[in-house]
């Protein structure tokens, strides 16, 4: 017998000789505060439920508005259909669905590999949990900012600044998000948390600015971060002459439900991307309409 086996055997004998605390003293460390027949609910059970709910909520915030969310909903529908087929005793389709569900956990890990890695990264760094605005959104400062930034009266000046940068052929990449702050991509840039203004955007995208090479993420009517690195679309449908700025605009709309606006550094043309589709060379009227639609949409975090 090895030393570890001897130590384990001695520990097991010692544990079996000591009665549990509740049996020895009649006192329970975690007494049930809700008891109904055989059912009892302890404080630790409530804490367990709250922690699981909090983790599920953070996971939902992480994948909401992305392709992973749609895939998860599709997998859930397949699982519910398999339960329905089993209840109707449809054996052939039930067996096929059962084989698909049996590898569901492995399939989810493969499909959601980027999201799982991102979620573990957030837990390790604490970035998403530390920056959670669940409590800060009720502060007077945030309420005041929300009232100020939802006012669309400054949109003409923002539109004028964008047209000015287009005439100067200044490269611009703006990302507007309505359902997520795109925290994972914002962490790759410089955090600003600043008011949205045309002058500030002109300063950021100046070629001499250290923040010009990257994307500006705008969410909840504020500039979240600048100089952010975005995923580049790999679709073959984009014209070959388009650069990385346009491909990054399409890429972020493939990974989320955000809208991206691009100003070409070569031609000064304004384009925008949405749902993985790129529309090139939009007019001034279309730009104004796009800004109004984006700004009037409520932010749901």
Protein backbone atom coordinates (compact mmCIF):
# COMPACT_ATOMS: atom_id res chain seq x y z
CA UNK A 1 0.00 0.00 0.00
CA UNK A 2 1.35 3.39 -0.97
CA UNK A 3 1.69 6.35 1.37
CA UNK A 4 -1.22 8.19 -0.33
CA UNK A 5 -3.50 5.16 0.02
CA UNK A 6 -2.59 4.86 3.72
CA UNK A 7 -3.33 8.54 4.32
CA UNK A 8 -6.65 8.26 2.46
CA UNK A 9 -7.68 5.17 4.43
CA UNK A 10 -6.83 6.86 7.75
CA UNK A 11 -8.80 9.97 6.76
CA UNK A 12 -11.84 7.88 5.76
CA UNK A 13 -11.75 6.04 9.11
CA UNK A 14 -11.51 9.33 10.99
CA UNK A 15 -14.41 10.87 9.07
CA UNK A 16 -16.66 7.87 9.70
CA UNK A 17 -15.97 8.00 13.45
CA UNK A 18 -17.03 11.66 13.76
CA UNK A 19 -20.81 12.24 13.58
CA UNK A 20 -22.11 15.13 11.51
CA UNK A 21 -22.44 18.45 13.29
CA UNK A 22 -26.23 18.43 13.03
CA UNK A 23 -26.50 14.93 14.56
CA UNK A 24 -23.99 15.65 17.31
CA UNK A 25 -25.34 19.01 18.46
CA UNK A 26 -28.81 19.20 16.93
CA UNK A 27 -27.77 22.43 15.23
CA UNK A 28 -27.51 23.04 11.48
CA UNK A 29 -25.17 25.68 10.08
CA UNK A 30 -27.63 26.39 7.23
CA UNK A 31 -31.14 25.87 8.62
CA UNK A 32 -34.03 25.85 6.17
CA UNK A 33 -36.06 29.05 6.30
CA UNK A 34 -38.76 27.69 3.97
CA UNK A 35 -40.16 24.23 4.66
CA UNK A 36 -43.26 22.74 3.05
CA UNK A 37 -43.74 19.04 3.65
CA UNK A 38 -40.66 17.24 2.36
CA UNK A 39 -39.52 20.38 0.53
CA UNK A 40 -37.12 22.75 2.25
CA UNK A 41 -35.22 25.74 0.95
CA UNK A 42 -32.04 26.93 2.60
CA UNK A 43 -30.22 30.21 2.27
CA UNK A 44 -27.35 28.45 0.49
CA UNK A 45 -29.86 27.13 -2.08
CA UNK A 46 -31.07 30.67 -2.79
CA UNK A 47 -27.46 31.85 -3.13
CA UNK A 48 -26.76 28.95 -5.49
CA UNK A 49 -29.72 29.89 -7.70
CA UNK A 50 -28.71 33.56 -7.75
CA UNK A 51 -25.13 32.74 -8.75
CA UNK A 52 -26.26 30.44 -11.57
CA UNK A 53 -28.73 33.07 -12.76
CA UNK A 54 -26.03 35.75 -12.71
CA UNK A 55 -23.63 33.58 -14.72
CA UNK A 56 -26.35 32.75 -17.25
CA UNK A 57 -27.20 36.45 -17.57
CA UNK A 58 -23.55 37.34 -18.22
CA UNK A 59 -23.34 34.55 -20.80
CA UNK A 60 -26.51 35.86 -22.45
CA UNK A 61 -25.04 39.37 -22.61
CA UNK A 62 -21.92 37.91 -24.16
CA UNK A 63 -23.60 36.12 -27.08
CA UNK A 64 -26.66 38.34 -27.53
CA UNK A 65 -26.84 39.93 -30.97
CA UNK A 66 -24.17 37.60 -32.37
CA UNK A 67 -24.28 34.55 -34.60
CA UNK A 68 -23.70 32.36 -31.53
CA UNK A 69 -27.05 33.46 -30.10
CA UNK A 70 -28.89 32.39 -33.26
CA UNK A 71 -27.06 29.05 -33.28
CA UNK A 72 -27.96 28.46 -29.64
CA UNK A 73 -31.63 29.22 -30.32
CA UNK A 74 -31.55 26.81 -33.28
CA UNK A 75 -30.01 24.07 -31.13
CA UNK A 76 -32.68 24.65 -28.47
CA UNK A 77 -35.44 24.34 -31.09
CA UNK A 78 -33.95 21.05 -32.29
CA UNK A 79 -33.89 19.76 -28.70
CA UNK A 80 -37.54 20.73 -28.12
CA UNK A 81 -38.53 19.06 -31.40
CA UNK A 82 -36.78 15.88 -30.30
CA UNK A 83 -38.84 15.88 -27.10
CA UNK A 84 -42.01 16.36 -29.16
CA UNK A 85 -41.14 13.49 -31.53
CA UNK A 86 -40.40 11.25 -28.57
CA UNK A 87 -43.73 12.10 -26.96
CA UNK A 88 -45.52 11.28 -30.25
CA UNK A 89 -43.64 7.97 -30.40
CA UNK A 90 -42.10 8.75 -33.80
CA UNK A 91 -39.23 6.30 -33.44
CA UNK A 92 -37.21 6.90 -36.60
CA UNK A 93 -36.97 10.67 -36.31
CA UNK A 94 -36.56 10.32 -32.54
CA UNK A 95 -33.50 8.13 -33.01
CA UNK A 96 -32.00 10.57 -35.49
CA UNK A 97 -32.62 13.47 -33.14
CA UNK A 98 -31.29 11.44 -30.22
CA UNK A 99 -28.00 10.81 -32.03
CA UNK A 100 -27.74 14.53 -32.74
CA UNK A 101 -28.50 15.52 -29.14
CA UNK A 102 -26.11 12.89 -27.72
CA UNK A 103 -23.15 14.83 -29.09
CA UNK A 104 -24.76 18.17 -28.22
CA UNK A 105 -22.30 19.17 -25.51
CA UNK A 106 -19.30 18.46 -27.72
CA UNK A 107 -20.97 20.23 -30.64
CA UNK A 108 -21.70 23.27 -28.48
CA UNK A 109 -18.08 23.45 -27.33
CA UNK A 110 -16.91 23.33 -30.95
CA UNK A 111 -19.47 25.82 -32.29
CA UNK A 112 -19.16 28.23 -29.36
CA UNK A 113 -15.40 27.92 -28.97
CA UNK A 114 -14.77 31.68 -29.44
CA UNK A 115 -17.61 32.59 -27.05
CA UNK A 116 -16.49 30.07 -24.42
CA UNK A 117 -12.93 31.42 -24.64
CA UNK A 118 -14.25 34.98 -24.41
CA UNK A 119 -16.41 34.09 -21.38
CA UNK A 120 -13.47 32.47 -19.56
CA UNK A 121 -11.32 35.46 -20.44
CA UNK A 122 -13.89 37.79 -18.88
CA UNK A 123 -14.01 35.70 -15.70
CA UNK A 124 -10.22 35.59 -15.45
CA UNK A 125 -9.74 39.31 -16.03
CA UNK A 126 -12.99 40.38 -14.40
CA UNK A 127 -13.43 43.03 -17.10
CA UNK A 128 -17.08 42.41 -17.86
CA UNK A 129 -18.12 41.86 -14.25
CA UNK A 130 -16.18 44.86 -12.99
CA UNK A 131 -17.59 47.13 -15.64
CA UNK A 132 -21.14 45.92 -15.27
CA UNK A 133 -23.48 48.90 -15.29
CA UNK A 134 -26.35 47.14 -13.59
CA UNK A 135 -25.98 49.49 -10.60
CA UNK A 136 -24.38 52.48 -12.32
CA UNK A 137 -27.27 52.92 -14.72
CA UNK A 138 -29.46 54.14 -11.86
CA UNK A 139 -27.09 56.90 -10.80
CA UNK A 140 -28.03 60.53 -11.36
CA UNK A 141 -24.98 61.02 -13.54
CA UNK A 142 -26.00 58.26 -15.96
CA UNK A 143 -29.60 59.41 -16.04
CA UNK A 144 -28.46 62.90 -16.94
CA UNK A 145 -26.20 61.59 -19.67
CA UNK A 146 -28.98 59.47 -21.12
CA UNK A 147 -31.30 62.46 -21.39
CA UNK A 148 -28.57 64.53 -23.01
CA UNK A 149 -27.41 62.01 -25.58
CA UNK A 150 -30.79 60.80 -26.71
CA UNK A 151 -31.45 64.34 -27.93
CA UNK A 152 -30.92 64.15 -31.74
CA UNK A 153 -30.44 67.91 -32.14
CA UNK A 154 -26.66 67.52 -32.57
CA UNK A 155 -26.99 64.99 -35.41
CA UNK A 156 -26.65 67.66 -38.14
CA UNK A 157 -23.26 68.68 -36.72
CA UNK A 158 -22.22 65.02 -36.57
CA UNK A 159 -23.32 64.54 -40.17
CA UNK A 160 -21.44 67.67 -41.20
CA UNK A 161 -18.26 66.38 -39.55
CA UNK A 162 -18.55 63.04 -41.35
CA UNK A 163 -19.06 64.77 -44.70
CA UNK A 164 -16.08 67.01 -43.96
CA UNK A 165 -13.88 63.98 -43.27
CA UNK A 166 -15.17 62.37 -46.47
CA UNK A 167 -14.17 65.42 -48.50
CA UNK A 168 -10.70 65.32 -46.90
CA UNK A 169 -10.50 61.55 -47.55
CA UNK A 170 -10.00 60.79 -43.89
CA UNK A 171 -10.32 57.10 -43.10
CA UNK A 172 -13.16 56.48 -40.63
CA UNK A 173 -14.66 53.36 -39.10
CA UNK A 174 -17.61 53.82 -36.71
CA UNK A 175 -19.55 50.99 -35.05
CA UNK A 176 -23.04 51.68 -33.66
CA UNK A 177 -24.43 49.01 -31.35
CA UNK A 178 -27.94 48.90 -29.84
CA UNK A 179 -27.92 45.68 -27.80
CA UNK A 180 -24.34 45.30 -26.55
CA UNK A 181 -21.31 47.42 -25.76
CA UNK A 182 -19.15 44.94 -27.66
CA UNK A 183 -16.95 44.83 -24.58
CA UNK A 184 -14.66 42.14 -25.98
CA UNK A 185 -13.75 44.33 -28.96
CA UNK A 186 -13.74 47.52 -26.88
CA UNK A 187 -11.09 45.96 -24.64
CA UNK A 188 -8.73 45.86 -27.61
CA UNK A 189 -8.76 49.66 -27.90
CA UNK A 190 -8.53 52.71 -25.68
CA UNK A 191 -11.46 53.31 -23.35
CA UNK A 192 -12.98 56.77 -23.63
CA UNK A 193 -16.58 56.76 -22.30
CA UNK A 194 -17.03 60.20 -23.85
CA UNK A 195 -19.85 62.22 -25.33
CA UNK A 196 -20.39 61.77 -29.04
CA UNK A 197 -19.46 64.87 -31.01
CA UNK A 198 -18.30 65.56 -34.52
CA UNK A 199 -15.26 67.53 -33.37
CA UNK A 200 -14.09 64.68 -31.16
CA UNK A 201 -14.43 62.19 -34.01
CA UNK A 202 -12.49 64.51 -36.31
CA UNK A 203 -9.71 64.66 -33.71
CA UNK A 204 -9.66 60.88 -33.25
CA UNK A 205 -9.44 60.09 -36.97
CA UNK A 206 -6.78 62.66 -37.82
CA UNK A 207 -3.86 60.88 -39.45
CA UNK A 208 -1.51 62.31 -36.82
CA UNK A 209 -3.68 60.97 -33.98
CA UNK A 210 -2.51 57.77 -32.26
CA UNK A 211 -6.14 56.60 -32.18
CA UNK A 212 -6.95 56.95 -35.89
CA UNK A 213 -5.92 53.43 -36.88
CA UNK A 214 -8.86 51.40 -35.64
CA UNK A 215 -12.59 51.54 -35.02
CA UNK A 216 -14.62 53.75 -32.72
CA UNK A 217 -17.37 51.88 -30.89
CA UNK A 218 -20.49 53.88 -29.99
CA UNK A 219 -23.11 52.39 -27.67
CA UNK A 220 -25.78 53.86 -25.40
CA UNK A 221 -25.21 57.26 -27.08
CA UNK A 222 -21.59 57.41 -25.91
CA UNK A 223 -18.18 56.70 -27.39
CA UNK A 224 -17.11 53.54 -25.60
CA UNK A 225 -13.62 53.13 -27.05
CA UNK A 226 -11.37 54.08 -29.94
CA UNK A 227 -8.59 52.33 -31.88
CA UNK A 228 -10.45 49.02 -31.51
CA UNK A 229 -9.48 45.91 -33.45
CA UNK A 230 -12.41 44.24 -35.24
CA UNK A 231 -12.75 40.82 -36.87
CA UNK A 232 -12.19 40.85 -40.62
CA UNK A 233 -14.82 39.28 -42.85
CA UNK A 234 -13.64 36.32 -44.92
CA UNK A 235 -16.54 36.36 -47.36
CA UNK A 236 -15.64 36.11 -51.04
CA UNK A 237 -18.58 38.30 -52.05
CA UNK A 238 -16.79 41.56 -51.26
CA UNK A 239 -15.03 43.32 -54.14
CA UNK A 240 -11.32 42.65 -54.24
CA UNK A 241 -10.37 46.34 -54.23
CA UNK A 242 -11.83 46.90 -50.76
CA UNK A 243 -9.36 47.27 -47.92
CA UNK A 244 -9.26 46.02 -44.37
CA UNK A 245 -11.40 48.90 -43.09
CA UNK A 246 -14.39 47.81 -45.18
CA UNK A 247 -13.81 44.13 -44.40
CA UNK A 248 -13.64 44.91 -40.69
CA UNK A 249 -16.93 46.80 -40.97
CA UNK A 250 -18.58 43.77 -42.53
CA UNK A 251 -16.87 41.45 -40.06
CA UNK A 252 -18.26 43.17 -36.95
CA UNK A 253 -21.78 43.08 -38.42
CA UNK A 254 -21.35 39.35 -39.04
CA UNK A 255 -20.42 38.78 -35.40
CA UNK A 256 -23.03 41.11 -33.90
CA UNK A 257 -26.13 43.12 -34.76
CA UNK A 258 -24.20 46.38 -34.89
CA UNK A 259 -24.14 48.84 -37.78
CA UNK A 260 -20.79 50.03 -39.13
CA UNK A 261 -20.07 53.21 -41.07
CA UNK A 262 -16.93 53.54 -43.21
CA UNK A 263 -15.26 56.44 -44.99
CA UNK A 264 -12.72 55.35 -47.58
CA UNK A 265 -9.25 56.82 -47.19
CA UNK A 266 -8.59 56.48 -50.93
CA UNK A 267 -11.79 57.83 -52.50
CA UNK A 268 -13.57 59.54 -49.61
CA UNK A 269 -16.73 57.52 -50.27
CA UNK A 270 -19.10 56.76 -47.39
CA UNK A 271 -20.40 53.20 -46.97
CA UNK A 272 -22.20 51.30 -44.26
CA UNK A 273 -22.51 47.64 -43.30
CA UNK A 274 -25.38 45.86 -41.60
CA UNK A 275 -26.10 42.14 -41.07
CA UNK A 276 -23.01 41.20 -43.05
CA UNK A 277 -24.06 43.26 -46.09
CA UNK A 278 -22.08 46.26 -47.34
CA UNK A 279 -23.62 49.19 -49.17
CA UNK A 280 -21.08 51.34 -50.96
CA UNK A 281 -21.10 55.05 -51.75
CA UNK A 282 -24.24 56.25 -49.98
CA UNK A 283 -25.61 59.75 -50.51
CA UNK A 284 -25.84 62.59 -48.00
CA UNK A 285 -29.57 61.95 -47.59
CA UNK A 286 -28.95 58.26 -46.88
CA UNK A 287 -26.26 59.19 -44.36
CA UNK A 288 -28.63 61.49 -42.49
CA UNK A 289 -31.37 58.86 -42.48
CA UNK A 290 -28.92 56.23 -41.23
CA UNK A 291 -27.77 58.45 -38.37
CA UNK A 292 -31.35 59.24 -37.34
CA UNK A 293 -32.38 55.58 -37.42
CA UNK A 294 -29.33 54.53 -35.43
CA UNK A 295 -29.69 57.28 -32.85
CA UNK A 296 -33.43 56.87 -32.32
CA UNK A 297 -33.17 53.11 -31.72
CA UNK A 298 -33.35 52.38 -27.95
CA UNK A 299 -30.30 50.79 -26.37
CA UNK A 300 -31.13 47.42 -24.73
CA UNK A 301 -28.38 46.20 -22.47
